[in-house]
Amino acid sequence: MNELVETERVYVNDLQCVVEGYMKEYQDGSPDLPRELRGKKGIIFGNIYEVYVFHRDIFLRDLELCIDQPLLVGEVFLAKENEFQMYASYCKNKPSSEALRKECAEAPFFQECQKKLGHQLPLDSYLLKPIQRITKYQLILKQMIKYSQKSQESLASLEDALEGMMKVLKNLNDVMHSTYIRGFLGSLGDQGKLLMQDSFVVWQSNKKHVINMNIAHFKGKPRQVFLYEKMVVFTKRDDEVVKDTVYYQCKISLKLIDIGLTETVKEDRLKFGLWLQNKSEFYTLQAPSEDIKKCWVQEIRRLLQSQFSQAKESRSHSVSATSPGFQRGIKFASPAGASERRKSAEHLR
């Protein structure tokens, strides 16, 4: 417990150095600031100030209260699980930040800030600390569970906290992968939250023929698939690897309002299918494990059912809007794609 609190204090101090030693010095009108960096503070630092305030004013204080009551530390992590999602924004911005800092690597501005702070390490090292810290929590929780001799209730709380932090890390890993997608027409940010991403073997076929088709006779294609709240994006891993960074080329994207779900294909426990409502395409996805397939099917089913409920509610509002006595001049209309969403949910199987 003491290690957790002490390292948290060090972390908050490191964040403070970035905020006060670099961000406050970052004035767009300063002659020391290169023209290429002006107006780009948000790209360089991301939401590190938000991260700093959360840890300084909330999380560190909650942990300090647990010094005399260590049994409560699991509850602290559980209560703040949603707040840790702010790290997703930080991770998503990281490639843009790195690219801009690389472009201006020789700028004396950053070196002068480092000199004033008396730091041996450059800004790059400090901007990496949030990612290092968020991955450290699960290791500390594992150690606390390993050496815990307290009540079953407190142990269960620690285990729940560990499970929650592992989910946070999984989401951050997914977000990092999504930042390296190339060739998507539009903005992935408009597709809602990234829910999951995994590697699949994918077959594309004609919906009318899929029942009679022997998939084993055809070679599937390896694809990295990303599930957003509004879209499924199929990508191909690029052969190009830059500084251990893997890039993905977008191949196909399917709007959730347009698809139906087949939960099992050919009685294969690893395969499920996605198909377009008004077209003949059928996509068979083979997961690397039953657990991964189960997670994807459950999440897609949940999204389609949610769409169906929203469409049903919209239709209900539309009927109410035309009822006698309803105020004139105000109308409710079913959103575009409501019929497609209804069909998607009705055809779940």
Protein backbone atom coordinates (compact mmCIF):
# COMPACT_ATOMS: atom_id res chain seq x y z
CA MET A 1 0.00 0.00 0.00
CA ASN A 2 2.81 2.38 0.87
CA GLU A 3 4.50 1.67 -2.47
CA LEU A 4 1.29 2.46 -4.33
CA VAL A 5 0.85 5.81 -2.57
CA GLU A 6 4.51 6.84 -2.82
CA THR A 7 4.76 6.03 -6.52
CA GLU A 8 1.47 7.86 -7.10
CA ARG A 9 2.94 10.98 -5.47
CA VAL A 10 6.00 10.73 -7.72
CA TYR A 11 3.73 10.34 -10.75
CA VAL A 12 1.68 13.42 -9.84
CA ASN A 13 4.90 15.38 -9.41
CA ASP A 14 6.08 14.27 -12.88
CA LEU A 15 2.79 15.41 -14.41
CA GLN A 16 3.11 18.72 -12.59
CA CYS A 17 6.52 19.24 -14.19
CA VAL A 18 4.99 18.84 -17.64
CA VAL A 19 2.06 21.15 -16.89
CA GLU A 20 4.01 23.91 -15.18
CA GLY A 21 7.42 23.47 -16.77
CA TYR A 22 6.36 23.02 -20.38
CA MET A 23 2.67 23.80 -20.95
CA LYS A 24 2.70 27.13 -19.10
CA GLU A 25 5.80 28.15 -21.03
CA TYR A 26 4.08 27.24 -24.28
CA GLN A 27 2.94 30.67 -25.39
CA ASP A 28 2.01 30.99 -29.06
CA GLY A 29 3.39 34.53 -29.22
CA SER A 30 6.77 33.62 -27.75
CA PRO A 31 9.69 34.24 -30.14
CA ASP A 32 11.32 31.06 -28.78
CA LEU A 33 8.43 28.92 -30.01
CA PRO A 34 8.91 27.59 -33.56
CA ARG A 35 6.22 28.58 -36.04
CA GLU A 36 5.49 24.89 -36.67
CA LEU A 37 4.42 24.47 -33.04
CA ARG A 38 2.19 27.53 -32.67
CA GLY A 39 -1.43 26.69 -32.05
CA LYS A 40 -0.59 23.02 -31.53
CA LYS A 41 -0.36 22.71 -27.76
CA GLY A 42 -3.25 20.23 -27.80
CA ILE A 43 -1.39 17.98 -30.22
CA ILE A 44 1.87 18.06 -28.26
CA PHE A 45 0.37 17.43 -24.81
CA GLY A 46 -2.99 15.83 -25.53
CA ASN A 47 -5.24 15.79 -22.46
CA ILE A 48 -2.36 15.44 -19.99
CA TYR A 49 -3.70 18.38 -17.97
CA GLU A 50 -6.98 16.52 -17.45
CA VAL A 51 -5.02 13.44 -16.36
CA TYR A 52 -2.94 15.57 -13.97
CA VAL A 53 -5.94 17.20 -12.28
CA PHE A 54 -7.69 13.84 -11.82
CA HIS A 55 -4.69 12.23 -10.15
CA ARG A 56 -3.73 15.28 -8.08
CA ASP A 57 -7.18 16.23 -6.79
CA ILE A 58 -9.02 12.92 -6.70
CA PHE A 59 -7.16 9.65 -7.11
CA LEU A 60 -4.09 10.43 -5.00
CA ARG A 61 -6.24 11.77 -2.17
CA ASP A 62 -8.43 8.67 -2.23
CA LEU A 63 -5.35 6.43 -2.10
CA GLU A 64 -3.91 8.42 0.81
CA LEU A 65 -7.11 7.75 2.77
CA CYS A 66 -6.42 4.04 2.32
CA ILE A 67 -3.02 4.14 4.06
CA ASP A 68 -4.73 3.42 7.38
CA GLN A 69 -7.52 1.42 5.70
CA PRO A 70 -5.82 -0.63 2.97
CA LEU A 71 -8.85 -2.89 2.66
CA LEU A 72 -10.60 -0.08 0.78
CA VAL A 73 -8.07 0.28 -2.04
CA GLY A 74 -9.95 -2.13 -4.30
CA GLU A 75 -13.08 -0.01 -3.92
CA VAL A 76 -11.11 3.11 -4.90
CA PHE A 77 -10.04 1.54 -8.19
CA LEU A 78 -13.54 0.26 -8.90
CA ALA A 79 -15.10 3.65 -8.22
CA LYS A 80 -12.70 5.39 -10.62
CA GLU A 81 -12.75 2.83 -13.45
CA ASN A 82 -14.71 5.11 -15.78
CA GLU A 83 -12.36 8.04 -15.13
CA PHE A 84 -9.42 5.95 -16.33
CA GLN A 85 -11.02 6.00 -19.78
CA MET A 86 -9.51 9.49 -20.20
CA TYR A 87 -6.28 7.65 -20.95
CA ALA A 88 -7.86 6.45 -24.20
CA SER A 89 -7.83 10.04 -25.50
CA TYR A 90 -4.22 10.41 -24.40
CA CYS A 91 -3.17 7.21 -26.16
CA LYS A 92 -5.11 8.12 -29.30
CA ASN A 93 -3.25 11.43 -29.54
CA LYS A 94 0.17 9.89 -28.91
CA PRO A 95 1.14 9.18 -32.57
CA SER A 96 0.28 12.75 -33.62
CA SER A 97 2.25 14.13 -30.69
CA GLU A 98 5.27 12.00 -31.49
CA ALA A 99 5.21 12.96 -35.17
CA LEU A 100 5.07 16.69 -34.40
CA ARG A 101 7.82 16.50 -31.78
CA LYS A 102 10.00 14.56 -34.19
CA GLU A 103 9.45 17.24 -36.82
CA CYS A 104 10.61 19.91 -34.35
CA ALA A 105 13.19 17.82 -32.50
CA GLU A 106 15.90 20.46 -32.84
CA ALA A 107 13.74 23.29 -31.50
CA PRO A 108 15.57 25.03 -28.61
CA PHE A 109 12.25 25.70 -26.84
CA PHE A 110 11.96 22.21 -25.36
CA GLN A 111 15.64 22.12 -24.46
CA GLU A 112 15.34 25.45 -22.64
CA CYS A 113 12.36 24.19 -20.64
CA GLN A 114 14.28 21.05 -19.72
CA LYS A 115 17.24 23.14 -18.62
CA LYS A 116 15.07 25.38 -16.40
CA LEU A 117 13.54 22.32 -14.75
CA GLY A 118 16.95 20.76 -14.19
CA HIS A 119 15.79 17.51 -15.77
CA GLN A 120 18.18 14.94 -17.14
CA LEU A 121 15.37 13.37 -19.17
CA PRO A 122 13.72 15.18 -22.12
CA LEU A 123 10.02 15.93 -22.55
CA ASP A 124 9.51 12.69 -24.50
CA SER A 125 10.26 10.66 -21.38
CA TYR A 126 7.73 12.60 -19.31
CA LEU A 127 5.00 12.31 -21.93
CA LEU A 128 5.49 8.55 -21.83
CA LYS A 129 4.85 8.38 -18.08
CA PRO A 130 1.02 8.31 -18.25
CA ILE A 131 1.16 5.18 -20.39
CA GLN A 132 3.75 3.61 -18.10
CA ARG A 133 1.69 4.45 -15.02
CA ILE A 134 -1.65 3.13 -16.27
CA THR A 135 0.01 -0.20 -17.09
CA LYS A 136 1.66 -0.32 -13.65
CA TYR A 137 -1.55 -0.42 -11.63
CA GLN A 138 -2.46 -3.96 -12.61
CA LEU A 139 1.00 -5.17 -11.52
CA ILE A 140 0.62 -3.52 -8.11
CA LEU A 141 -2.86 -4.99 -7.68
CA LYS A 142 -1.55 -8.45 -8.54
CA GLN A 143 1.12 -8.09 -5.86
CA MET A 144 -1.45 -6.94 -3.31
CA ILE A 145 -3.65 -9.94 -4.11
CA LYS A 146 -0.69 -12.30 -3.90
CA TYR A 147 0.32 -11.18 -0.42
CA SER A 148 -3.13 -10.36 0.90
CA GLN A 149 -4.09 -12.24 4.07
CA LYS A 150 -7.16 -10.21 4.81
CA SER A 151 -10.84 -11.08 4.58
CA GLN A 152 -12.41 -12.72 1.56
CA GLU A 153 -14.43 -9.55 1.04
CA SER A 154 -11.36 -7.34 0.63
CA LEU A 155 -9.68 -9.97 -1.57
CA ALA A 156 -12.74 -10.08 -3.82
CA SER A 157 -12.64 -6.29 -4.05
CA LEU A 158 -8.98 -6.37 -5.15
CA GLU A 159 -9.73 -9.06 -7.72
CA ASP A 160 -12.63 -7.01 -9.11
CA ALA A 161 -10.33 -3.97 -9.27
CA LEU A 162 -7.73 -6.00 -11.16
CA GLU A 163 -10.35 -7.22 -13.62
CA GLY A 164 -11.48 -3.64 -14.15
CA MET A 165 -7.95 -2.39 -14.80
CA MET A 166 -7.34 -5.22 -17.26
CA LYS A 167 -10.44 -4.08 -19.17
CA VAL A 168 -9.08 -0.53 -19.19
CA LEU A 169 -5.76 -1.76 -20.59
CA LYS A 170 -7.52 -3.86 -23.23
CA ASN A 171 -9.44 -0.79 -24.35
CA LEU A 172 -6.26 1.32 -24.45
CA ASN A 173 -4.53 -1.33 -26.54
CA ASP A 174 -7.47 -1.40 -28.94
CA VAL A 175 -7.42 2.39 -29.23
CA MET A 176 -3.68 2.40 -29.95
CA HIS A 177 -4.20 -0.10 -32.77
CA SER A 178 -7.03 1.99 -34.23
CA THR A 179 -4.81 5.06 -34.52
CA TYR A 180 -2.76 3.25 -37.16
CA ILE A 181 -5.64 2.55 -39.57
CA ARG A 182 -5.05 4.01 -43.03
CA GLY A 183 -7.39 4.47 -45.98
CA PHE A 184 -10.69 4.89 -44.12
CA LEU A 185 -12.92 7.35 -45.98
CA GLY A 186 -14.31 9.66 -43.34
CA SER A 187 -13.61 10.00 -39.64
CA LEU A 188 -13.38 7.00 -37.34
CA GLY A 189 -14.12 9.41 -34.52
CA ASP A 190 -17.64 9.76 -35.92
CA GLN A 191 -18.29 6.01 -35.56
CA GLY A 192 -18.69 6.12 -31.79
CA LYS A 193 -16.56 4.45 -29.16
CA LEU A 194 -14.17 1.69 -30.20
CA LEU A 195 -15.49 -1.37 -28.37
CA MET A 196 -13.01 -4.09 -29.37
CA GLN A 197 -10.55 -5.27 -32.00
CA ASP A 198 -9.16 -8.70 -32.77
CA SER A 199 -7.59 -10.80 -35.51
CA PHE A 200 -9.90 -12.96 -37.63
CA VAL A 201 -9.84 -15.10 -40.74
CA VAL A 202 -12.55 -13.71 -43.02
CA TRP A 203 -14.42 -15.17 -46.01
CA GLN A 204 -16.62 -13.03 -48.27
CA SER A 205 -19.35 -14.85 -50.20
CA ASN A 206 -22.83 -14.57 -51.67
CA LYS A 207 -25.54 -14.69 -49.00
CA LYS A 208 -27.72 -16.97 -51.12
CA HIS A 209 -24.96 -19.53 -51.54
CA VAL A 210 -23.38 -19.51 -48.08
CA ILE A 211 -25.56 -22.37 -46.82
CA ASN A 212 -24.38 -24.71 -49.57
CA MET A 213 -20.80 -23.43 -49.72
CA ASN A 214 -18.00 -25.48 -48.21
CA ILE A 215 -15.79 -22.80 -46.67
CA ALA A 216 -12.99 -25.30 -46.13
CA HIS A 217 -12.40 -25.31 -49.91
CA PHE A 218 -11.72 -21.57 -49.94
CA LYS A 219 -8.85 -19.75 -48.29
CA GLY A 220 -9.91 -17.05 -45.88
CA LYS A 221 -8.04 -13.78 -45.55
CA PRO A 222 -6.39 -12.61 -42.32
CA ARG A 223 -8.02 -9.41 -41.16
CA GLN A 224 -7.77 -7.14 -38.14
CA VAL A 225 -11.37 -6.21 -37.36
CA PHE A 226 -12.43 -3.17 -35.34
CA LEU A 227 -15.90 -2.90 -33.80
CA TYR A 228 -17.21 0.61 -33.19
CA GLU A 229 -20.62 1.57 -31.86
CA LYS A 230 -21.78 2.43 -35.39
CA MET A 231 -19.52 0.43 -37.70
CA VAL A 232 -17.45 -2.70 -38.25
CA VAL A 233 -14.12 -1.99 -39.99
CA PHE A 234 -12.13 -4.76 -41.69
CA THR A 235 -8.44 -3.98 -42.17
CA LYS A 236 -5.38 -5.71 -43.56
CA ARG A 237 -2.12 -5.56 -41.69
CA ASP A 238 0.50 -3.69 -43.73
CA ASP A 239 3.84 -5.30 -44.43
CA GLU A 240 5.43 -1.97 -43.54
CA VAL A 241 6.52 -1.71 -39.90
CA VAL A 242 7.94 1.64 -38.75
CA LYS A 243 9.76 1.67 -35.41
CA ASP A 244 7.82 -1.37 -34.15
CA THR A 245 4.55 0.28 -35.20
CA VAL A 246 2.12 -1.84 -37.22
CA TYR A 247 -0.18 -0.09 -39.69
CA TYR A 248 -3.52 -1.33 -41.02
CA GLN A 249 -5.10 -0.69 -44.41
CA CYS A 250 -8.89 -0.35 -44.40
CA LYS A 251 -10.48 -2.90 -46.76
CA ILE A 252 -14.21 -2.91 -45.92
CA SER A 253 -16.46 -0.99 -43.54
CA LEU A 254 -20.02 -2.00 -42.64
CA LYS A 255 -22.52 0.28 -40.92
CA LEU A 256 -24.26 -1.40 -38.00
CA ILE A 257 -27.65 -0.16 -39.22
CA ASP A 258 -27.16 -2.16 -42.43
CA ILE A 259 -26.11 -5.56 -41.10
CA GLY A 260 -27.61 -8.74 -39.72
CA LEU A 261 -25.91 -11.31 -37.51
CA THR A 262 -25.64 -15.08 -37.84
CA GLU A 263 -24.28 -16.29 -34.52
CA THR A 264 -22.91 -19.62 -35.76
CA VAL A 265 -21.89 -20.61 -39.30
CA LYS A 266 -21.89 -24.27 -40.34
CA GLU A 267 -22.12 -25.31 -36.66
CA ASP A 268 -18.53 -24.14 -36.24
CA ARG A 269 -17.87 -22.89 -32.70
CA LEU A 270 -15.31 -20.36 -33.95
CA LYS A 271 -17.31 -18.83 -36.81
CA PHE A 272 -20.07 -16.25 -37.00
CA GLY A 273 -21.47 -14.24 -39.91
CA LEU A 274 -22.33 -10.66 -40.80
CA TRP A 275 -24.50 -9.87 -43.78
CA LEU A 276 -25.92 -6.79 -45.47
CA GLN A 277 -29.67 -6.28 -45.43
CA ASN A 278 -30.19 -5.17 -49.02
CA LYS A 279 -27.19 -6.78 -50.70
CA SER A 280 -25.92 -10.28 -51.25
CA GLU A 281 -22.61 -10.06 -49.37
CA PHE A 282 -22.06 -12.46 -46.48
CA TYR A 283 -18.94 -12.22 -44.30
CA THR A 284 -17.85 -15.25 -42.30
CA LEU A 285 -15.47 -14.45 -39.43
CA GLN A 286 -13.40 -17.15 -37.76
CA ALA A 287 -12.19 -16.10 -34.32
CA PRO A 288 -8.92 -17.36 -32.78
CA SER A 289 -10.83 -18.75 -29.78
CA GLU A 290 -14.35 -19.53 -28.58
CA ASP A 291 -14.12 -16.84 -25.91
CA ILE A 292 -13.31 -14.15 -28.46
CA LYS A 293 -16.12 -15.30 -30.74
CA LYS A 294 -18.54 -15.26 -27.81
CA CYS A 295 -17.54 -11.71 -26.83
CA TRP A 296 -17.99 -10.42 -30.38
CA VAL A 297 -21.36 -12.09 -30.90
CA GLN A 298 -22.64 -10.80 -27.56
CA GLU A 299 -21.49 -7.24 -28.26
CA ILE A 300 -22.86 -7.11 -31.82
CA ARG A 301 -26.14 -8.62 -30.63
CA ARG A 302 -26.35 -5.96 -27.91
CA LEU A 303 -25.74 -3.17 -30.43
CA LEU A 304 -28.37 -4.48 -32.85
CA GLN A 305 -30.92 -4.93 -30.10
CA SER A 306 -30.20 -1.41 -28.89
CA GLN A 307 -30.77 -0.09 -32.41
CA PHE A 308 -34.06 -1.98 -32.58
CA SER A 309 -35.20 -0.51 -29.25
CA GLN A 310 -34.26 3.00 -30.36
CA ALA A 311 -36.10 2.58 -33.65
CA LYS A 312 -39.16 1.23 -31.83
CA GLU A 313 -39.11 4.17 -29.43
CA SER A 314 -38.74 6.60 -32.33
CA ARG A 315 -41.78 5.08 -34.05
CA SER A 316 -43.71 5.38 -30.80
CA HIS A 317 -42.84 9.07 -30.56
CA SER A 318 -43.84 9.54 -34.18
CA VAL A 319 -47.30 8.08 -33.48
CA SER A 320 -47.68 10.27 -30.39
CA ALA A 321 -46.76 13.35 -32.39
CA THR A 322 -49.68 12.81 -34.75
CA SER A 323 -52.23 12.05 -32.00
CA PRO A 324 -55.20 14.43 -31.53
CA GLY A 325 -54.38 17.35 -29.30
CA PHE A 326 -50.64 17.22 -29.92
CA GLN A 327 -49.16 20.71 -30.17
CA ARG A 328 -49.04 21.89 -33.77
CA GLY A 329 -45.71 22.78 -35.30
CA ILE A 330 -43.76 20.05 -33.43
CA LYS A 331 -43.12 16.77 -35.19
CA PHE A 332 -41.13 13.65 -34.35
CA ALA A 333 -39.81 11.58 -37.23
CA SER A 334 -38.21 8.18 -37.20
CA PRO A 335 -34.48 8.56 -37.80
CA ALA A 336 -32.96 7.52 -41.12
CA GLY A 337 -32.28 3.82 -41.19
CA ALA A 338 -34.94 2.92 -38.60
CA SER A 339 -36.42 0.23 -40.84
CA GLU A 340 -32.97 -1.23 -41.45
CA ARG A 341 -32.29 -1.32 -37.71
CA ARG A 342 -35.61 -3.06 -37.12
CA LYS A 343 -34.77 -5.67 -39.74
CA SER A 344 -31.32 -6.21 -38.24
CA ALA A 345 -32.73 -7.01 -34.83
CA GLU A 346 -35.61 -9.10 -36.16
CA HIS A 347 -33.22 -11.27 -38.17
CA LEU A 348 -30.88 -12.06 -35.28
CA ARG A 349 -30.19 -15.72 -35.14
